[in-house]
Structures are given as structure tokens and as C-alpha cells.
Amino acid sequence: MNLVVVYDISDNETRERIANLLKYHGLIRVQRSVFVGEGGKGKAYDIVRLTRRLIDPETDSLIVFVVPKTSIKEALIVGTPLNEVRPRVTIKII
């Protein structure tokens, strides 16, 4: 399984803390507010638990999708992602 984490966070410092936390947990930034990495429900719950304390639920949101690895491998990308999604994953750029 893989995780896709997307967020909309208004405060710059909080947004940076969340990004650093996701990187620390092995996720790779593929868009400014989108991270992808290996993990299942357990890791998803860990990320939610750790980030819940940082965001303002009135103005911010963070969503963690647990998806099959094939969903990432078969992703269609228009343009250039910020980072390649791990070399072992084939990215189709259209």
C-alpha cells in the first residue's frame, strides 16, 4: 500500500512543520501540498495523530489516502512533478 497526503494549511510555519514531518516519515513531495510514500493504515493513523495537534481544524485540512501501489505506478502526470516518485516507480508523463 501507499499513502497520498494532501493538505491545505494557511499558516506558513505550520505548513513547513507538516511538510518536514511527512519527509521525516519517508514521504516524498510531488506537489507543493502533496506527498506520496509507502505505508498502510497504521502509518496513515500515525500521520493523522501527529498532524492533528498542529493544524487549526477551523481553517486547515489534511487528508491521507491509503491506496494500492498500482495507483501510484499508473499515475498519469501532466507537466513536471516537483520530485520523481521513487526511481522504482514508473511515471507516465503525458
Foldseek 3Di string as FASTA:
>chain_A
DKKKKFKDADDPVLLVVLVVVCVVVPWDAFASGITMGDDAPVVVVVSCVVSVVRGDVVGMDMDMDGDDPVCQLADEAEDGTPDDGDPVRHYHYD
